[in-house]
Amino acid sequence: MPTYILLSSLTPEGSQTLHKDPDRLDAVNKEIADFGCKVVTQYAVLGGYDFVTIVDAPDNETVAHMSVDLSSRAPSRSRRSRRFRSCS
């Protein structure tokens, strides 16, 4: 499966939700899996984004659908994806 990088930023409401319920992150990762994608790793970061999530997905259409679906209802300001091509 191709590998993608998802960049996400929480809204103030999303930050409060995650602070009150840290398991919400696991719930979102399960939603990603429900699309047939696999979370490879996830990092909380400082700067313009709050999370960098590396996922494997079957194809561009699946990761685009997943990204649009999550961003339309999740408490995040933006969610972008980029396909990662390995050097090997």
PDB file of N, CA and C in Angstrom:
ATOM      1  N   MET A   1       0.845  -1.190   0.000  1.00  0.00           N
ATOM      2  CA  MET A   1       0.000   0.000   0.000  1.00  0.00           C
ATOM      3  C   MET A   1       0.881   1.240   0.000  1.00  0.00           C
ATOM      4  N   PRO A   2       0.453   2.292  -0.700  1.00  0.00           N
ATOM      5  CA  PRO A   2       1.184   3.559  -0.658  1.00  0.00           C
ATOM      6  C   PRO A   2       1.127   4.182   0.742  1.00  0.00           C
ATOM      7  N   THR A   3       2.114   4.972   1.041  1.00  0.00           N
ATOM      8  CA  THR A   3       2.213   5.655   2.335  1.00  0.00           C
ATOM      9  C   THR A   3       1.895   7.130   2.142  1.00  0.00           C
ATOM     10  N   TYR A   4       1.132   7.686   3.069  1.00  0.00           N
ATOM     11  CA  TYR A   4       0.716   9.085   3.014  1.00  0.00           C
ATOM     12  C   TYR A   4       1.042   9.775   4.332  1.00  0.00           C
ATOM     13  N   ILE A   5       1.236  11.081   4.257  1.00  0.00           N
ATOM     14  CA  ILE A   5       1.465  11.909   5.439  1.00  0.00           C
ATOM     15  C   ILE A   5       0.246  12.805   5.603  1.00  0.00           C
ATOM     16  N   LEU A   6      -0.396  12.723   6.759  1.00  0.00           N
ATOM     17  CA  LEU A   6      -1.532  13.593   7.069  1.00  0.00           C
ATOM     18  C   LEU A   6      -1.070  14.640   8.073  1.00  0.00           C
ATOM     19  N   LEU A   7      -1.367  15.888   7.796  1.00  0.00           N
ATOM     20  CA  LEU A   7      -1.051  16.992   8.697  1.00  0.00           C
ATOM     21  C   LEU A   7      -2.369  17.520   9.242  1.00  0.00           C
ATOM     22  N   SER A   8      -2.468  17.669  10.559  1.00  0.00           N
ATOM     23  CA  SER A   8      -3.728  18.155  11.124  1.00  0.00           C
ATOM     24  C   SER A   8      -3.470  19.175  12.227  1.00  0.00           C
ATOM     25  N   SER A   9      -4.409  20.100  12.337  1.00  0.00           N
ATOM     26  CA  SER A   9      -4.378  21.132  13.373  1.00  0.00           C
ATOM     27  C   SER A   9      -5.715  21.126  14.091  1.00  0.00           C
ATOM     28  N   LEU A  10      -5.677  21.148  15.396  1.00  0.00           N
ATOM     29  CA  LEU A  10      -6.899  21.142  16.191  1.00  0.00           C
ATOM     30  C   LEU A  10      -7.477  22.550  16.334  1.00  0.00           C
ATOM     31  N   THR A  11      -8.782  22.623  16.368  1.00  0.00           N
ATOM     32  CA  THR A  11      -9.444  23.870  16.734  1.00  0.00           C
ATOM     33  C   THR A  11      -9.355  23.986  18.259  1.00  0.00           C
ATOM     34  N   PRO A  12      -9.688  25.143  18.826  1.00  0.00           N
ATOM     35  CA  PRO A  12      -9.704  25.234  20.287  1.00  0.00           C
ATOM     36  C   PRO A  12     -10.641  24.201  20.919  1.00  0.00           C
ATOM     37  N   GLU A  13     -11.774  23.951  20.275  1.00  0.00           N
ATOM     38  CA  GLU A  13     -12.715  22.946  20.799  1.00  0.00           C
ATOM     39  C   GLU A  13     -12.106  21.551  20.731  1.00  0.00           C
ATOM     40  N   GLY A  14     -11.395  21.278  19.643  1.00  0.00           N
ATOM     41  CA  GLY A  14     -10.739  19.981  19.494  1.00  0.00           C
ATOM     42  C   GLY A  14      -9.660  19.772  20.537  1.00  0.00           C
ATOM     43  N   SER A  15      -8.921  20.834  20.851  1.00  0.00           N
ATOM     44  CA  SER A  15      -7.898  20.746  21.902  1.00  0.00           C
ATOM     45  C   SER A  15      -8.532  20.433  23.250  1.00  0.00           C
ATOM     46  N   GLN A  16      -9.655  21.082  23.540  1.00  0.00           N
ATOM     47  CA  GLN A  16     -10.351  20.825  24.809  1.00  0.00           C
ATOM     48  C   GLN A  16     -10.874  19.399  24.859  1.00  0.00           C
ATOM     49  N   THR A  17     -11.430  18.924  23.747  1.00  0.00           N
ATOM     50  CA  THR A  17     -11.944  17.555  23.695  1.00  0.00           C
ATOM     51  C   THR A  17     -10.824  16.561  23.941  1.00  0.00           C
ATOM     52  N   LEU A  18      -9.689  16.748  23.284  1.00  0.00           N
ATOM     53  CA  LEU A  18      -8.560  15.837  23.447  1.00  0.00           C
ATOM     54  C   LEU A  18      -7.981  15.912  24.853  1.00  0.00           C
ATOM     55  N   HIS A  19      -7.977  17.094  25.437  1.00  0.00           N
ATOM     56  CA  HIS A  19      -7.483  17.246  26.807  1.00  0.00           C
ATOM     57  C   HIS A  19      -8.385  16.506  27.793  1.00  0.00           C
ATOM     58  N   LYS A  20      -9.694  16.625  27.603  1.00  0.00           N
ATOM     59  CA  LYS A  20     -10.649  15.965  28.504  1.00  0.00           C
ATOM     60  C   LYS A  20     -10.737  14.465  28.249  1.00  0.00           C
ATOM     61  N   ASP A  21     -10.538  14.056  26.988  1.00  0.00           N
ATOM     62  CA  ASP A  21     -10.703  12.652  26.610  1.00  0.00           C
ATOM     63  C   ASP A  21      -9.563  12.222  25.680  1.00  0.00           C
ATOM     64  N   PRO A  22      -8.385  11.900  26.237  1.00  0.00           N
ATOM     65  CA  PRO A  22      -7.246  11.509  25.406  1.00  0.00           C
ATOM     66  C   PRO A  22      -7.524  10.279  24.535  1.00  0.00           C
ATOM     67  N   ASP A  23      -8.495   9.455  24.940  1.00  0.00           N
ATOM     68  CA  ASP A  23      -8.836   8.283  24.140  1.00  0.00           C
ATOM     69  C   ASP A  23      -9.491   8.665  22.815  1.00  0.00           C
ATOM     70  N   ARG A  24      -9.863   9.916  22.655  1.00  0.00           N
ATOM     71  CA  ARG A  24     -10.456  10.386  21.402  1.00  0.00           C
ATOM     72  C   ARG A  24      -9.484  10.169  20.242  1.00  0.00           C
ATOM     73  N   LEU A  25      -8.198  10.297  20.523  1.00  0.00           N
ATOM     74  CA  LEU A  25      -7.185  10.073  19.496  1.00  0.00           C
ATOM     75  C   LEU A  25      -7.243   8.630  18.984  1.00  0.00           C
ATOM     76  N   ASP A  26      -7.418   7.680  19.889  1.00  0.00           N
ATOM     77  CA  ASP A  26      -7.557   6.279  19.488  1.00  0.00           C
ATOM     78  C   ASP A  26      -8.821   6.072  18.661  1.00  0.00           C
ATOM     79  N   ALA A  27      -9.890   6.774  19.015  1.00  0.00           N
ATOM     80  CA  ALA A  27     -11.142   6.661  18.265  1.00  0.00           C
ATOM     81  C   ALA A  27     -10.968   7.161  16.834  1.00  0.00           C
ATOM     82  N   VAL A  28     -10.254   8.262  16.665  1.00  0.00           N
ATOM     83  CA  VAL A  28     -10.004   8.792  15.321  1.00  0.00           C
ATOM     84  C   VAL A  28      -9.143   7.806  14.535  1.00  0.00           C
ATOM     85  N   ASN A  29      -8.143   7.222  15.180  1.00  0.00           N
ATOM     86  CA  ASN A  29      -7.298   6.250  14.500  1.00  0.00           C
ATOM     87  C   ASN A  29      -8.095   5.014  14.088  1.00  0.00           C
ATOM     88  N   LYS A  30      -9.090   4.644  14.874  1.00  0.00           N
ATOM     89  CA  LYS A  30      -9.960   3.532  14.493  1.00  0.00           C
ATOM     90  C   LYS A  30     -10.809   3.917  13.282  1.00  0.00           C
ATOM     91  N   GLU A  31     -11.263   5.167  13.246  1.00  0.00           N
ATOM     92  CA  GLU A  31     -12.019   5.636  12.088  1.00  0.00           C
ATOM     93  C   GLU A  31     -11.160   5.574  10.827  1.00  0.00           C
ATOM     94  N   ILE A  32      -9.887   5.909  10.958  1.00  0.00           N
ATOM     95  CA  ILE A  32      -8.959   5.800   9.829  1.00  0.00           C
ATOM     96  C   ILE A  32      -8.874   4.344   9.376  1.00  0.00           C
ATOM     97  N   ALA A  33      -8.774   3.423  10.321  1.00  0.00           N
ATOM     98  CA  ALA A  33      -8.715   1.997   9.996  1.00  0.00           C
ATOM     99  C   ALA A  33      -9.999   1.524   9.331  1.00  0.00           C
ATOM    100  N   ASP A  34     -11.131   2.102   9.708  1.00  0.00           N
ATOM    101  CA  ASP A  34     -12.412   1.723   9.109  1.00  0.00           C
ATOM    102  C   ASP A  34     -12.470   2.050   7.614  1.00  0.00           C
ATOM    103  N   PHE A  35     -11.612   2.948   7.150  1.00  0.00           N
ATOM    104  CA  PHE A  35     -11.519   3.268   5.733  1.00  0.00           C
ATOM    105  C   PHE A  35     -10.579   2.317   4.992  1.00  0.00           C
ATOM    106  N   GLY A  36     -10.014   1.361   5.715  1.00  0.00           N
ATOM    107  CA  GLY A  36      -9.078   0.432   5.094  1.00  0.00           C
ATOM    108  C   GLY A  36      -7.657   0.948   5.091  1.00  0.00           C
ATOM    109  N   CYS A  37      -7.409   1.982   5.890  1.00  0.00           N
ATOM    110  CA  CYS A  37      -6.075   2.561   6.009  1.00  0.00           C
ATOM    111  C   CYS A  37      -5.442   2.093   7.318  1.00  0.00           C
ATOM    112  N   LYS A  38      -4.128   2.154   7.390  1.00  0.00           N
ATOM    113  CA  LYS A  38      -3.425   1.736   8.596  1.00  0.00           C
ATOM    114  C   LYS A  38      -2.557   2.891   9.094  1.00  0.00           C
ATOM    115  N   VAL A  39      -2.747   3.268  10.349  1.00  0.00           N
ATOM    116  CA  VAL A  39      -1.885   4.282  10.955  1.00  0.00           C
ATOM    117  C   VAL A  39      -0.550   3.618  11.256  1.00  0.00           C
ATOM    118  N   VAL A  40       0.500   4.093  10.598  1.00  0.00           N
ATOM    119  CA  VAL A  40       1.840   3.544  10.790  1.00  0.00           C
ATOM    120  C   VAL A  40       2.452   4.143  12.045  1.00  0.00           C
ATOM    121  N   THR A  41       2.364   5.459  12.155  1.00  0.00           N
ATOM    122  CA  THR A  41       2.860   6.167  13.333  1.00  0.00           C
ATOM    123  C   THR A  41       2.215   7.542  13.384  1.00  0.00           C
ATOM    124  N   GLN A  42       2.267   8.140  14.558  1.00  0.00           N
ATOM    125  CA  GLN A  42       1.641   9.449  14.740  1.00  0.00           C
ATOM    126  C   GLN A  42       2.491  10.260  15.713  1.00  0.00           C
ATOM    127  N   TYR A  43       2.669  11.534  15.389  1.00  0.00           N
ATOM    128  CA  TYR A  43       3.468  12.424  16.226  1.00  0.00           C
ATOM    129  C   TYR A  43       2.671  13.675  16.572  1.00  0.00           C
ATOM    130  N   ALA A  44       2.739  14.078  17.818  1.00  0.00           N
ATOM    131  CA  ALA A  44       2.251  15.398  18.216  1.00  0.00           C
ATOM    132  C   ALA A  44       3.428  16.338  17.982  1.00  0.00           C
ATOM    133  N   VAL A  45       3.171  17.458  17.302  1.00  0.00           N
ATOM    134  CA  VAL A  45       4.257  18.365  16.932  1.00  0.00           C
ATOM    135  C   VAL A  45       3.921  19.799  17.329  1.00  0.00           C
ATOM    136  N   LEU A  46       4.933  20.629  17.349  1.00  0.00           N
ATOM    137  CA  LEU A  46       4.778  22.049  17.619  1.00  0.00           C
ATOM    138  C   LEU A  46       4.875  22.805  16.308  1.00  0.00           C
ATOM    139  N   GLY A  47       4.215  23.942  16.216  1.00  0.00           N
ATOM    140  CA  GLY A  47       4.291  24.741  15.007  1.00  0.00           C
ATOM    141  C   GLY A  47       2.934  24.879  14.346  1.00  0.00           C
ATOM    142  N   GLY A  48       2.929  24.888  13.028  1.00  0.00           N
ATOM    143  CA  GLY A  48       1.714  25.114  12.264  1.00  0.00           C
ATOM    144  C   GLY A  48       0.704  23.981  12.328  1.00  0.00           C
ATOM    145  N   TYR A  49       1.144  22.800  12.686  1.00  0.00           N
ATOM    146  CA  TYR A  49       0.255  21.641  12.801  1.00  0.00           C
ATOM    147  C   TYR A  49       0.397  21.038  14.186  1.00  0.00           C
ATOM    148  N   ASP A  50      -0.638  20.335  14.611  1.00  0.00           N
ATOM    149  CA  ASP A  50      -0.615  19.676  15.914  1.00  0.00           C
ATOM    150  C   ASP A  50      -0.217  18.209  15.823  1.00  0.00           C
ATOM    151  N   PHE A  51      -0.527  17.575  14.686  1.00  0.00           N
ATOM    152  CA  PHE A  51      -0.215  16.158  14.511  1.00  0.00           C
ATOM    153  C   PHE A  51       0.301  15.889  13.110  1.00  0.00           C
ATOM    154  N   VAL A  52       1.261  14.982  13.031  1.00  0.00           N
ATOM    155  CA  VAL A  52       1.709  14.393  11.780  1.00  0.00           C
ATOM    156  C   VAL A  52       1.386  12.914  11.895  1.00  0.00           C
ATOM    157  N   THR A  53       0.579  12.420  10.973  1.00  0.00           N
ATOM    158  CA  THR A  53       0.168  11.023  11.001  1.00  0.00           C
ATOM    159  C   THR A  53       0.601  10.365   9.706  1.00  0.00           C
ATOM    160  N   ILE A  54       1.339   9.268   9.828  1.00  0.00           N
ATOM    161  CA  ILE A  54       1.789   8.505   8.672  1.00  0.00           C
ATOM    162  C   ILE A  54       0.827   7.333   8.526  1.00  0.00           C
ATOM    163  N   VAL A  55       0.204   7.218   7.349  1.00  0.00           N
ATOM    164  CA  VAL A  55      -0.758   6.142   7.123  1.00  0.00           C
ATOM    165  C   VAL A  55      -0.435   5.410   5.827  1.00  0.00           C
ATOM    166  N   ASP A  56      -0.776   4.138   5.809  1.00  0.00           N
ATOM    167  CA  ASP A  56      -0.790   3.362   4.574  1.00  0.00           C
ATOM    168  C   ASP A  56      -2.236   3.293   4.128  1.00  0.00           C
ATOM    169  N   ALA A  57      -2.458   3.511   2.833  1.00  0.00           N
ATOM    170  CA  ALA A  57      -3.810   3.472   2.281  1.00  0.00           C
ATOM    171  C   ALA A  57      -3.774   2.735   0.953  1.00  0.00           C
ATOM    172  N   PRO A  58      -4.884   2.117   0.587  1.00  0.00           N
ATOM    173  CA  PRO A  58      -4.907   1.356  -0.661  1.00  0.00           C
ATOM    174  C   PRO A  58      -4.614   2.191  -1.910  1.00  0.00           C
ATOM    175  N   ASP A  59      -5.103   3.456  -1.932  1.00  0.00           N
ATOM    176  CA  ASP A  59      -4.939   4.279  -3.123  1.00  0.00           C
ATOM    177  C   ASP A  59      -5.267   5.737  -2.798  1.00  0.00           C
ATOM    178  N   ASN A  60      -5.040   6.607  -3.770  1.00  0.00           N
ATOM    179  CA  ASN A  60      -5.293   8.042  -3.598  1.00  0.00           C
ATOM    180  C   ASN A  60      -6.756   8.336  -3.273  1.00  0.00           C
ATOM    181  N   GLU A  61      -7.661   7.638  -3.940  1.00  0.00           N
ATOM    182  CA  GLU A  61      -9.082   7.890  -3.734  1.00  0.00           C
ATOM    183  C   GLU A  61      -9.503   7.585  -2.298  1.00  0.00           C
ATOM    184  N   THR A  62      -8.989   6.494  -1.751  1.00  0.00           N
ATOM    185  CA  THR A  62      -9.346   6.113  -0.380  1.00  0.00           C
ATOM    186  C   THR A  62      -8.846   7.138   0.619  1.00  0.00           C
ATOM    187  N   VAL A  63      -7.590   7.551   0.496  1.00  0.00           N
ATOM    188  CA  VAL A  63      -7.047   8.505   1.464  1.00  0.00           C
ATOM    189  C   VAL A  63      -7.713   9.872   1.294  1.00  0.00           C
ATOM    190  N   ALA A  64      -8.075  10.238   0.075  1.00  0.00           N
ATOM    191  CA  ALA A  64      -8.782  11.509  -0.128  1.00  0.00           C
ATOM    192  C   ALA A  64     -10.162  11.457   0.509  1.00  0.00           C
ATOM    193  N   HIS A  65     -10.883  10.364   0.308  1.00  0.00           N
ATOM    194  CA  HIS A  65     -12.208  10.213   0.909  1.00  0.00           C
ATOM    195  C   HIS A  65     -12.111  10.251   2.429  1.00  0.00           C
ATOM    196  N   MET A  66     -11.138   9.525   2.988  1.00  0.00           N
ATOM    197  CA  MET A  66     -10.946   9.500   4.437  1.00  0.00           C
ATOM    198  C   MET A  66     -10.621  10.904   4.968  1.00  0.00           C
ATOM    199  N   SER A  67      -9.739  11.591   4.290  1.00  0.00           N
ATOM    200  CA  SER A  67      -9.320  12.920   4.730  1.00  0.00           C
ATOM    201  C   SER A  67     -10.482  13.912   4.708  1.00  0.00           C
ATOM    202  N   VAL A  68     -11.258  13.886   3.632  1.00  0.00           N
ATOM    203  CA  VAL A  68     -12.413  14.792   3.527  1.00  0.00           C
ATOM    204  C   VAL A  68     -13.452  14.440   4.584  1.00  0.00           C
ATOM    205  N   ASP A  69     -13.705  13.151   4.773  1.00  0.00           N
ATOM    206  CA  ASP A  69     -14.694  12.732   5.755  1.00  0.00           C
ATOM    207  C   ASP A  69     -14.293  13.167   7.163  1.00  0.00           C
ATOM    208  N   LEU A  70     -13.047  12.929   7.535  1.00  0.00           N
ATOM    209  CA  LEU A  70     -12.602  13.312   8.883  1.00  0.00           C
ATOM    210  C   LEU A  70     -12.600  14.823   9.073  1.00  0.00           C
ATOM    211  N   SER A  71     -12.159  15.558   8.055  1.00  0.00           N
ATOM    212  CA  SER A  71     -12.083  17.020   8.218  1.00  0.00           C
ATOM    213  C   SER A  71     -13.460  17.663   8.234  1.00  0.00           C
ATOM    214  N   SER A  72     -14.460  17.011   7.649  1.00  0.00           N
ATOM    215  CA  SER A  72     -15.794  17.605   7.615  1.00  0.00           C
ATOM    216  C   SER A  72     -16.522  17.497   8.956  1.00  0.00           C
ATOM    217  N   ARG A  73     -16.053  16.610   9.829  1.00  0.00           N
ATOM    218  CA  ARG A  73     -16.749  16.432  11.108  1.00  0.00           C
ATOM    219  C   ARG A  73     -15.827  16.455  12.308  1.00  0.00           C
ATOM    220  N   ALA A  74     -14.541  16.375  12.085  1.00  0.00           N
ATOM    221  CA  ALA A  74     -13.595  16.370  13.198  1.00  0.00           C
ATOM    222  C   ALA A  74     -13.271  17.803  13.604  1.00  0.00           C
ATOM    223  N   PRO A  75     -12.932  17.997  14.866  1.00  0.00           N
ATOM    224  CA  PRO A  75     -12.595  19.347  15.327  1.00  0.00           C
ATOM    225  C   PRO A  75     -11.171  19.745  14.942  1.00  0.00           C
ATOM    226  N   SER A  76     -10.922  19.834  13.638  1.00  0.00           N
ATOM    227  CA  SER A  76      -9.601  20.263  13.182  1.00  0.00           C
ATOM    228  C   SER A  76      -9.760  21.384  12.171  1.00  0.00           C
ATOM    229  N   ARG A  77      -8.774  22.252  12.127  1.00  0.00           N
ATOM    230  CA  ARG A  77      -8.811  23.378  11.201  1.00  0.00           C
ATOM    231  C   ARG A  77      -8.526  22.932   9.781  1.00  0.00           C
ATOM    232  N   SER A  78      -7.636  21.995   9.629  1.00  0.00           N
ATOM    233  CA  SER A  78      -7.298  21.526   8.293  1.00  0.00           C
ATOM    234  C   SER A  78      -6.729  20.118   8.389  1.00  0.00           C
ATOM    235  N   ARG A  79      -6.848  19.431   7.311  1.00  0.00           N
ATOM    236  CA  ARG A  79      -6.294  18.084   7.248  1.00  0.00           C
ATOM    237  C   ARG A  79      -5.829  17.901   5.820  1.00  0.00           C
ATOM    238  N   ARG A  80      -4.564  17.729   5.654  1.00  0.00           N
ATOM    239  CA  ARG A  80      -4.005  17.585   4.321  1.00  0.00           C
ATOM    240  C   ARG A  80      -3.273  16.259   4.249  1.00  0.00           C
ATOM    241  N   SER A  81      -3.162  15.743   3.054  1.00  0.00           N
ATOM    242  CA  SER A  81      -2.413  14.508   2.885  1.00  0.00           C
ATOM    243  C   SER A  81      -1.453  14.656   1.717  1.00  0.00           C
ATOM    244  N   ARG A  82      -0.383  13.932   1.803  1.00  0.00           N
ATOM    245  CA  ARG A  82       0.595  13.918   0.739  1.00  0.00           C
ATOM    246  C   ARG A  82       1.133  12.505   0.644  1.00  0.00           C
ATOM    247  N   ARG A  83       1.236  12.016  -0.564  1.00  0.00           N
ATOM    248  CA  ARG A  83       1.760  10.672  -0.771  1.00  0.00           C
ATOM    249  C   ARG A  83       3.274  10.701  -0.631  1.00  0.00           C
ATOM    250  N   PHE A  84       3.786   9.725   0.071  1.00  0.00           N
ATOM    251  CA  PHE A  84       5.215   9.603   0.296  1.00  0.00           C
ATOM    252  C   PHE A  84       5.755   8.508  -0.609  1.00  0.00           C
ATOM    253  N   ARG A  85       6.760   8.813  -1.352  1.00  0.00           N
ATOM    254  CA  ARG A  85       7.384   7.801  -2.219  1.00  0.00           C
ATOM    255  C   ARG A  85       8.737   7.425  -1.595  1.00  0.00           C
ATOM    256  N   SER A  86       8.936   6.148  -1.394  1.00  0.00           N
ATOM    257  CA  SER A  86      10.189   5.713  -0.804  1.00  0.00           C
ATOM    258  C   SER A  86      11.311   5.828  -1.831  1.00  0.00           C
ATOM    259  N   CYS A  87      12.502   5.940  -1.330  1.00  0.00           N
ATOM    260  CA  CYS A  87      13.683   6.085  -2.206  1.00  0.00           C
ATOM    261  C   CYS A  87      14.181   4.745  -2.712  1.00  0.00           C
ATOM    262  N   SER A  88      13.683   3.666  -2.164  1.00  0.00           N
ATOM    263  CA  SER A  88      14.195   2.354  -2.578  1.00  0.00           C
ATOM    264  C   SER A  88      13.499   1.823  -3.796  1.00  0.00           C
TER     265      SER A  88
END
